[in-house]
Amino acid sequence: MYTQPFLAFTNKHAATFTISSETVTNWEASSGEEWTIPIIFQYTKLAKFGPFPAAYQVGIADYLESPDGGPSWKLRTTFTLLLPRKK
């Protein structure tokens, strides 16, 4: 099972603050190993990349629960270039 709840707030400066999770459950895993639950804090800013709009994102996650040998934290960066169609 995979669930992705999130709460996001965007301000007037095109910055978005998000708290989310990407929870995974393996119902066939042994007891105590079923859940992977990260809490992710992200910041996204819309800005220009040359003549094109782009989204820059950075995030950090702490794992509330993970299987033995699983992660305890993660860092995420994302760059999205938006290429509008010509009219």
PDB file of N, CA and C in Angstrom:
ATOM      1  N   MET A   1       0.849  -1.167   0.000  1.00  0.00           N
ATOM      2  CA  MET A   1       0.000   0.000   0.000  1.00  0.00           C
ATOM      3  C   MET A   1       0.897   1.232   0.000  1.00  0.00           C
ATOM      4  N   TYR A   2       0.500   2.247  -0.716  1.00  0.00           N
ATOM      5  CA  TYR A   2       1.237   3.499  -0.797  1.00  0.00           C
ATOM      6  C   TYR A   2       0.262   4.636  -0.561  1.00  0.00           C
ATOM      7  N   THR A   3       0.586   5.545   0.359  1.00  0.00           N
ATOM      8  CA  THR A   3      -0.235   6.740   0.582  1.00  0.00           C
ATOM      9  C   THR A   3       0.678   7.955   0.586  1.00  0.00           C
ATOM     10  N   GLN A   4       0.146   9.088   0.116  1.00  0.00           N
ATOM     11  CA  GLN A   4       0.945  10.300   0.031  1.00  0.00           C
ATOM     12  C   GLN A   4       0.118  11.514   0.490  1.00  0.00           C
ATOM     13  N   PRO A   5      -0.146  11.617   1.790  1.00  0.00           N
ATOM     14  CA  PRO A   5      -0.847  12.815   2.263  1.00  0.00           C
ATOM     15  C   PRO A   5       0.105  14.010   2.252  1.00  0.00           C
ATOM     16  N   PHE A   6      -0.450  15.213   2.022  1.00  0.00           N
ATOM     17  CA  PHE A   6       0.389  16.403   2.019  1.00  0.00           C
ATOM     18  C   PHE A   6      -0.421  17.627   2.401  1.00  0.00           C
ATOM     19  N   LEU A   7       0.272  18.626   2.875  1.00  0.00           N
ATOM     20  CA  LEU A   7      -0.300  19.925   3.171  1.00  0.00           C
ATOM     21  C   LEU A   7       0.685  20.946   2.629  1.00  0.00           C
ATOM     22  N   ALA A   8       0.201  21.867   1.788  1.00  0.00           N
ATOM     23  CA  ALA A   8       1.093  22.839   1.145  1.00  0.00           C
ATOM     24  C   ALA A   8       0.518  24.245   1.277  1.00  0.00           C
ATOM     25  N   PHE A   9       1.404  25.213   1.399  1.00  0.00           N
ATOM     26  CA  PHE A   9       1.034  26.624   1.466  1.00  0.00           C
ATOM     27  C   PHE A   9       1.920  27.389   0.494  1.00  0.00           C
ATOM     28  N   THR A  10       1.295  28.174  -0.393  1.00  0.00           N
ATOM     29  CA  THR A  10       2.030  29.002  -1.341  1.00  0.00           C
ATOM     30  C   THR A  10       1.799  30.468  -0.982  1.00  0.00           C
ATOM     31  N   ASN A  11       2.883  31.238  -0.897  1.00  0.00           N
ATOM     32  CA  ASN A  11       2.736  32.652  -0.565  1.00  0.00           C
ATOM     33  C   ASN A  11       2.743  33.511  -1.832  1.00  0.00           C
ATOM     34  N   LYS A  12       2.620  34.827  -1.652  1.00  0.00           N
ATOM     35  CA  LYS A  12       2.535  35.733  -2.805  1.00  0.00           C
ATOM     36  C   LYS A  12       3.853  35.896  -3.549  1.00  0.00           C
ATOM     37  N   HIS A  13       4.943  35.346  -3.018  1.00  0.00           N
ATOM     38  CA  HIS A  13       6.247  35.420  -3.670  1.00  0.00           C
ATOM     39  C   HIS A  13       6.576  34.152  -4.450  1.00  0.00           C
ATOM     40  N   ALA A  14       5.562  33.331  -4.724  1.00  0.00           N
ATOM     41  CA  ALA A  14       5.703  32.088  -5.495  1.00  0.00           C
ATOM     42  C   ALA A  14       6.595  31.064  -4.804  1.00  0.00           C
ATOM     43  N   ALA A  15       6.562  31.067  -3.475  1.00  0.00           N
ATOM     44  CA  ALA A  15       7.284  30.065  -2.689  1.00  0.00           C
ATOM     45  C   ALA A  15       6.251  29.135  -2.050  1.00  0.00           C
ATOM     46  N   THR A  16       6.526  27.852  -2.083  1.00  0.00           N
ATOM     47  CA  THR A  16       5.611  26.870  -1.510  1.00  0.00           C
ATOM     48  C   THR A  16       6.322  26.093  -0.407  1.00  0.00           C
ATOM     49  N   PHE A  17       5.651  25.974   0.722  1.00  0.00           N
ATOM     50  CA  PHE A  17       6.130  25.198   1.856  1.00  0.00           C
ATOM     51  C   PHE A  17       5.226  23.983   1.982  1.00  0.00           C
ATOM     52  N   THR A  18       5.811  22.793   2.017  1.00  0.00           N
ATOM     53  CA  THR A  18       5.039  21.555   2.015  1.00  0.00           C
ATOM     54  C   THR A  18       5.518  20.619   3.116  1.00  0.00           C
ATOM     55  N   ILE A  19       4.570  19.979   3.773  1.00  0.00           N
ATOM     56  CA  ILE A  19       4.873  18.867   4.662  1.00  0.00           C
ATOM     57  C   ILE A  19       4.089  17.678   4.108  1.00  0.00           C
ATOM     58  N   SER A  20       4.773  16.547   3.955  1.00  0.00           N
ATOM     59  CA  SER A  20       4.120  15.394   3.339  1.00  0.00           C
ATOM     60  C   SER A  20       4.732  14.107   3.858  1.00  0.00           C
ATOM     61  N   SER A  21       4.172  13.010   3.377  1.00  0.00           N
ATOM     62  CA  SER A  21       4.716  11.692   3.668  1.00  0.00           C
ATOM     63  C   SER A  21       4.524  10.831   2.426  1.00  0.00           C
ATOM     64  N   GLU A  22       5.376   9.849   2.278  1.00  0.00           N
ATOM     65  CA  GLU A  22       5.259   8.851   1.203  1.00  0.00           C
ATOM     66  C   GLU A  22       5.304   7.491   1.883  1.00  0.00           C
ATOM     67  N   THR A  23       4.232   7.181   2.575  1.00  0.00           N
ATOM     68  CA  THR A  23       4.178   5.985   3.421  1.00  0.00           C
ATOM     69  C   THR A  23       3.962   4.729   2.586  1.00  0.00           C
ATOM     70  N   VAL A  24       4.780   3.735   2.857  1.00  0.00           N
ATOM     71  CA  VAL A  24       4.686   2.445   2.170  1.00  0.00           C
ATOM     72  C   VAL A  24       4.459   1.367   3.230  1.00  0.00           C
ATOM     73  N   THR A  25       3.526   0.472   2.941  1.00  0.00           N
ATOM     74  CA  THR A  25       3.252  -0.654   3.828  1.00  0.00           C
ATOM     75  C   THR A  25       3.373  -1.948   3.043  1.00  0.00           C
ATOM     76  N   ASN A  26       4.154  -2.880   3.573  1.00  0.00           N
ATOM     77  CA  ASN A  26       4.301  -4.201   2.972  1.00  0.00           C
ATOM     78  C   ASN A  26       3.608  -5.187   3.910  1.00  0.00           C
ATOM     79  N   TRP A  27       2.393  -5.567   3.570  1.00  0.00           N
ATOM     80  CA  TRP A  27       1.590  -6.424   4.440  1.00  0.00           C
ATOM     81  C   TRP A  27       2.166  -7.836   4.546  1.00  0.00           C
ATOM     82  N   GLU A  28       3.074  -8.207   3.667  1.00  0.00           N
ATOM     83  CA  GLU A  28       3.662  -9.557   3.709  1.00  0.00           C
ATOM     84  C   GLU A  28       5.000  -9.600   4.448  1.00  0.00           C
ATOM     85  N   ALA A  29       5.481  -8.459   4.929  1.00  0.00           N
ATOM     86  CA  ALA A  29       6.745  -8.415   5.667  1.00  0.00           C
ATOM     87  C   ALA A  29       6.556  -8.982   7.073  1.00  0.00           C
ATOM     88  N   SER A  30       7.664  -9.345   7.699  1.00  0.00           N
ATOM     89  CA  SER A  30       7.580  -9.875   9.060  1.00  0.00           C
ATOM     90  C   SER A  30       7.167  -8.769  10.029  1.00  0.00           C
ATOM     91  N   SER A  31       6.696  -9.158  11.192  1.00  0.00           N
ATOM     92  CA  SER A  31       6.192  -8.226  12.197  1.00  0.00           C
ATOM     93  C   SER A  31       7.256  -7.192  12.566  1.00  0.00           C
ATOM     94  N   GLY A  32       6.875  -5.916  12.557  1.00  0.00           N
ATOM     95  CA  GLY A  32       7.788  -4.828  12.857  1.00  0.00           C
ATOM     96  C   GLY A  32       8.545  -4.308  11.659  1.00  0.00           C
ATOM     97  N   GLU A  33       8.386  -4.940  10.514  1.00  0.00           N
ATOM     98  CA  GLU A  33       9.095  -4.541   9.299  1.00  0.00           C
ATOM     99  C   GLU A  33       8.136  -4.039   8.208  1.00  0.00           C
ATOM    100  N   GLU A  34       6.874  -3.870   8.546  1.00  0.00           N
ATOM    101  CA  GLU A  34       5.862  -3.564   7.523  1.00  0.00           C
ATOM    102  C   GLU A  34       5.875  -2.115   7.040  1.00  0.00           C
ATOM    103  N   TRP A  35       6.239  -1.180   7.884  1.00  0.00           N
ATOM    104  CA  TRP A  35       6.027   0.235   7.592  1.00  0.00           C
ATOM    105  C   TRP A  35       7.313   0.981   7.243  1.00  0.00           C
ATOM    106  N   THR A  36       7.191   1.894   6.270  1.00  0.00           N
ATOM    107  CA  THR A  36       8.208   2.897   5.963  1.00  0.00           C
ATOM    108  C   THR A  36       7.470   4.232   5.950  1.00  0.00           C
ATOM    109  N   ILE A  37       7.777   5.083   6.955  1.00  0.00           N
ATOM    110  CA  ILE A  37       7.016   6.323   7.126  1.00  0.00           C
ATOM    111  C   ILE A  37       7.964   7.521   7.224  1.00  0.00           C
ATOM    112  N   PRO A  38       8.199   8.215   6.112  1.00  0.00           N
ATOM    113  CA  PRO A  38       8.986   9.449   6.186  1.00  0.00           C
ATOM    114  C   PRO A  38       8.068  10.662   6.391  1.00  0.00           C
ATOM    115  N   ILE A  39       8.565  11.650   7.103  1.00  0.00           N
ATOM    116  CA  ILE A  39       7.918  12.961   7.166  1.00  0.00           C
ATOM    117  C   ILE A  39       8.853  13.898   6.406  1.00  0.00           C
ATOM    118  N   ILE A  40       8.317  14.519   5.355  1.00  0.00           N
ATOM    119  CA  ILE A  40       9.134  15.294   4.419  1.00  0.00           C
ATOM    120  C   ILE A  40       8.762  16.777   4.505  1.00  0.00           C
ATOM    121  N   PHE A  41       9.785  17.617   4.676  1.00  0.00           N
ATOM    122  CA  PHE A  41       9.609  19.066   4.667  1.00  0.00           C
ATOM    123  C   PHE A  41      10.275  19.585   3.405  1.00  0.00           C
ATOM    124  N   GLN A  42       9.487  20.339   2.588  1.00  0.00           N
ATOM    125  CA  GLN A  42      10.002  20.802   1.294  1.00  0.00           C
ATOM    126  C   GLN A  42       9.765  22.294   1.108  1.00  0.00           C
ATOM    127  N   TYR A  43      10.666  22.919   0.372  1.00  0.00           N
ATOM    128  CA  TYR A  43      10.544  24.315  -0.023  1.00  0.00           C
ATOM    129  C   TYR A  43      10.699  24.370  -1.534  1.00  0.00           C
ATOM    130  N   THR A  44       9.752  25.016  -2.206  1.00  0.00           N
ATOM    131  CA  THR A  44       9.787  25.160  -3.663  1.00  0.00           C
ATOM    132  C   THR A  44       9.657  26.633  -4.023  1.00  0.00           C
ATOM    133  N   LYS A  45      10.450  27.078  -4.974  1.00  0.00           N
ATOM    134  CA  LYS A  45      10.401  28.461  -5.432  1.00  0.00           C
ATOM    135  C   LYS A  45      10.301  28.484  -6.946  1.00  0.00           C
ATOM    136  N   LEU A  46       9.338  29.233  -7.467  1.00  0.00           N
ATOM    137  CA  LEU A  46       9.231  29.462  -8.912  1.00  0.00           C
ATOM    138  C   LEU A  46      10.090  30.666  -9.257  1.00  0.00           C
ATOM    139  N   ALA A  47      10.906  30.515 -10.292  1.00  0.00           N
ATOM    140  CA  ALA A  47      11.793  31.590 -10.732  1.00  0.00           C
ATOM    141  C   ALA A  47      12.136  31.356 -12.201  1.00  0.00           C
ATOM    142  N   LYS A  48      12.940  32.214 -12.745  1.00  0.00           N
ATOM    143  CA  LYS A  48      13.360  32.084 -14.143  1.00  0.00           C
ATOM    144  C   LYS A  48      14.658  31.286 -14.241  1.00  0.00           C
ATOM    145  N   PHE A  49      14.772  30.534 -15.327  1.00  0.00           N
ATOM    146  CA  PHE A  49      16.016  29.883 -15.729  1.00  0.00           C
ATOM    147  C   PHE A  49      16.253  30.366 -17.148  1.00  0.00           C
ATOM    148  N   GLY A  50      17.037  31.408 -17.283  1.00  0.00           N
ATOM    149  CA  GLY A  50      17.154  32.059 -18.585  1.00  0.00           C
ATOM    150  C   GLY A  50      15.796  32.652 -18.937  1.00  0.00           C
ATOM    151  N   PRO A  51      15.282  32.380 -20.144  1.00  0.00           N
ATOM    152  CA  PRO A  51      13.984  32.926 -20.532  1.00  0.00           C
ATOM    153  C   PRO A  51      12.793  32.067 -20.065  1.00  0.00           C
ATOM    154  N   PHE A  52      13.058  30.926 -19.440  1.00  0.00           N
ATOM    155  CA  PHE A  52      11.999  29.981 -19.103  1.00  0.00           C
ATOM    156  C   PHE A  52      11.663  29.994 -17.612  1.00  0.00           C
ATOM    157  N   PRO A  53      10.395  29.779 -17.291  1.00  0.00           N
ATOM    158  CA  PRO A  53      10.049  29.593 -15.877  1.00  0.00           C
ATOM    159  C   PRO A  53      10.560  28.231 -15.402  1.00  0.00           C
ATOM    160  N   ALA A  54      10.898  28.166 -14.118  1.00  0.00           N
ATOM    161  CA  ALA A  54      11.409  26.913 -13.555  1.00  0.00           C
ATOM    162  C   ALA A  54      11.013  26.829 -12.086  1.00  0.00           C
ATOM    163  N   ALA A  55      10.979  25.611 -11.579  1.00  0.00           N
ATOM    164  CA  ALA A  55      10.711  25.366 -10.165  1.00  0.00           C
ATOM    165  C   ALA A  55      11.950  24.737  -9.549  1.00  0.00           C
ATOM    166  N   TYR A  56      12.404  25.309  -8.458  1.00  0.00           N
ATOM    167  CA  TYR A  56      13.553  24.808  -7.705  1.00  0.00           C
ATOM    168  C   TYR A  56      13.027  24.285  -6.372  1.00  0.00           C
ATOM    169  N   GLN A  57      13.414  23.081  -5.999  1.00  0.00           N
ATOM    170  CA  GLN A  57      12.883  22.489  -4.776  1.00  0.00           C
ATOM    171  C   GLN A  57      13.998  21.827  -3.975  1.00  0.00           C
ATOM    172  N   VAL A  58      13.907  21.952  -2.660  1.00  0.00           N
ATOM    173  CA  VAL A  58      14.800  21.249  -1.751  1.00  0.00           C
ATOM    174  C   VAL A  58      13.935  20.699  -0.611  1.00  0.00           C
ATOM    175  N   GLY A  59      14.277  19.507  -0.171  1.00  0.00           N
ATOM    176  CA  GLY A  59      13.509  18.898   0.905  1.00  0.00           C
ATOM    177  C   GLY A  59      14.370  17.990   1.748  1.00  0.00           C
ATOM    178  N   ILE A  60      13.927  17.782   2.979  1.00  0.00           N
ATOM    179  CA  ILE A  60      14.609  16.873   3.890  1.00  0.00           C
ATOM    180  C   ILE A  60      13.535  16.031   4.575  1.00  0.00           C
ATOM    181  N   ALA A  61      13.872  14.782   4.830  1.00  0.00           N
ATOM    182  CA  ALA A  61      12.903  13.864   5.443  1.00  0.00           C
ATOM    183  C   ALA A  61      13.536  13.144   6.615  1.00  0.00           C
ATOM    184  N   ASP A  62      12.712  12.892   7.606  1.00  0.00           N
ATOM    185  CA  ASP A  62      13.086  12.064   8.753  1.00  0.00           C
ATOM    186  C   ASP A  62      12.121  10.886   8.767  1.00  0.00           C
ATOM    187  N   TYR A  63      12.648   9.700   8.959  1.00  0.00           N
ATOM    188  CA  TYR A  63      11.812   8.498   8.946  1.00  0.00           C
ATOM    189  C   TYR A  63      11.327   8.184  10.358  1.00  0.00           C
ATOM    190  N   LEU A  64      10.015   8.216  10.531  1.00  0.00           N
ATOM    191  CA  LEU A  64       9.432   7.839  11.809  1.00  0.00           C
ATOM    192  C   LEU A  64       9.498   6.333  12.014  1.00  0.00           C
ATOM    193  N   GLU A  65       9.435   5.600  10.911  1.00  0.00           N
ATOM    194  CA  GLU A  65       9.459   4.131  10.943  1.00  0.00           C
ATOM    195  C   GLU A  65      10.063   3.633   9.646  1.00  0.00           C
ATOM    196  N   SER A  66      10.925   2.626   9.752  1.00  0.00           N
ATOM    197  CA  SER A  66      11.456   1.973   8.554  1.00  0.00           C
ATOM    198  C   SER A  66      11.943   0.582   8.943  1.00  0.00           C
ATOM    199  N   PRO A  67      12.000  -0.342   7.979  1.00  0.00           N
ATOM    200  CA  PRO A  67      12.474  -1.697   8.266  1.00  0.00           C
ATOM    201  C   PRO A  67      13.939  -1.697   8.688  1.00  0.00           C
ATOM    202  N   ASP A  68      14.388  -2.768   9.307  1.00  0.00           N
ATOM    203  CA  ASP A  68      15.805  -2.910   9.649  1.00  0.00           C
ATOM    204  C   ASP A  68      16.648  -2.721   8.392  1.00  0.00           C
ATOM    205  N   GLY A  69      17.675  -1.908   8.491  1.00  0.00           N
ATOM    206  CA  GLY A  69      18.526  -1.635   7.340  1.00  0.00           C
ATOM    207  C   GLY A  69      17.973  -0.545   6.442  1.00  0.00           C
ATOM    208  N   GLY A  70      16.781  -0.031   6.765  1.00  0.00           N
ATOM    209  CA  GLY A  70      16.165   1.022   5.964  1.00  0.00           C
ATOM    210  C   GLY A  70      16.746   2.388   6.309  1.00  0.00           C
ATOM    211  N   PRO A  71      16.342   3.420   5.590  1.00  0.00           N
ATOM    212  CA  PRO A  71      16.897   4.753   5.803  1.00  0.00           C
ATOM    213  C   PRO A  71      16.409   5.383   7.109  1.00  0.00           C
ATOM    214  N   SER A  72      17.175   6.352   7.598  1.00  0.00           N
ATOM    215  CA  SER A  72      16.745   7.130   8.760  1.00  0.00           C
ATOM    216  C   SER A  72      16.479   8.587   8.366  1.00  0.00           C
ATOM    217  N   TRP A  73      16.999   9.022   7.205  1.00  0.00           N
ATOM    218  CA  TRP A  73      16.746  10.363   6.696  1.00  0.00           C
ATOM    219  C   TRP A  73      17.005  10.368   5.190  1.00  0.00           C
ATOM    220  N   LYS A  74      16.592  11.459   4.532  1.00  0.00           N
ATOM    221  CA  LYS A  74      16.912  11.637   3.113  1.00  0.00           C
ATOM    222  C   LYS A  74      16.903  13.118   2.773  1.00  0.00           C
ATOM    223  N   LEU A  75      17.618  13.446   1.722  1.00  0.00           N
ATOM    224  CA  LEU A  75      17.675  14.789   1.174  1.00  0.00           C
ATOM    225  C   LEU A  75      17.193  14.707  -0.263  1.00  0.00           C
ATOM    226  N   ARG A  76      16.368  15.662  -0.658  1.00  0.00           N
ATOM    227  CA  ARG A  76      15.811  15.657  -2.019  1.00  0.00           C
ATOM    228  C   ARG A  76      15.986  17.040  -2.630  1.00  0.00           C
ATOM    229  N   THR A  77      16.469  17.081  -3.864  1.00  0.00           N
ATOM    230  CA  THR A  77      16.502  18.317  -4.637  1.00  0.00           C
ATOM    231  C   THR A  77      15.851  18.040  -5.984  1.00  0.00           C
ATOM    232  N   THR A  78      15.157  19.046  -6.479  1.00  0.00           N
ATOM    233  CA  THR A  78      14.462  18.900  -7.750  1.00  0.00           C
ATOM    234  C   THR A  78      14.555  20.208  -8.529  1.00  0.00           C
ATOM    235  N   PHE A  79      14.756  20.079  -9.818  1.00  0.00           N
ATOM    236  CA  PHE A  79      14.729  21.219 -10.726  1.00  0.00           C
ATOM    237  C   PHE A  79      13.775  20.855 -11.855  1.00  0.00           C
ATOM    238  N   THR A  80      12.752  21.688 -12.066  1.00  0.00           N
ATOM    239  CA  THR A  80      11.778  21.438 -13.131  1.00  0.00           C
ATOM    240  C   THR A  80      11.759  22.634 -14.067  1.00  0.00           C
ATOM    241  N   LEU A  81      12.143  22.402 -15.301  1.00  0.00           N
ATOM    242  CA  LEU A  81      12.118  23.437 -16.329  1.00  0.00           C
ATOM    243  C   LEU A  81      10.779  23.366 -17.038  1.00  0.00           C
ATOM    244  N   LEU A  82      10.092  24.501 -17.133  1.00  0.00           N
ATOM    245  CA  LEU A  82       8.776  24.553 -17.763  1.00  0.00           C
ATOM    246  C   LEU A  82       8.919  25.133 -19.162  1.00  0.00           C
ATOM    247  N   LEU A  83       8.566  24.334 -20.153  1.00  0.00           N
ATOM    248  CA  LEU A  83       8.708  24.752 -21.551  1.00  0.00           C
ATOM    249  C   LEU A  83       7.325  24.989 -22.159  1.00  0.00           C
ATOM    250  N   PRO A  84       6.876  26.233 -22.189  1.00  0.00           N
ATOM    251  CA  PRO A  84       5.552  26.511 -22.735  1.00  0.00           C
ATOM    252  C   PRO A  84       5.520  26.319 -24.249  1.00  0.00           C
ATOM    253  N   ARG A  85       4.345  25.921 -24.741  1.00  0.00           N
ATOM    254  CA  ARG A  85       4.164  25.804 -26.194  1.00  0.00           C
ATOM    255  C   ARG A  85       3.999  27.179 -26.793  1.00  0.00           C
ATOM    256  N   LYS A  86       4.489  27.320 -28.016  1.00  0.00           N
ATOM    257  CA  LYS A  86       4.268  28.591 -28.716  1.00  0.00           C
ATOM    258  C   LYS A  86       2.834  28.628 -29.221  1.00  0.00           C
ATOM    259  N   LYS A  87       2.276  29.817 -29.263  1.00  0.00           N
ATOM    260  CA  LYS A  87       0.897  29.989 -29.734  1.00  0.00           C
ATOM    261  C   LYS A  87       0.861  30.168 -31.222  1.00  0.00           C
TER     262      LYS A  87
END
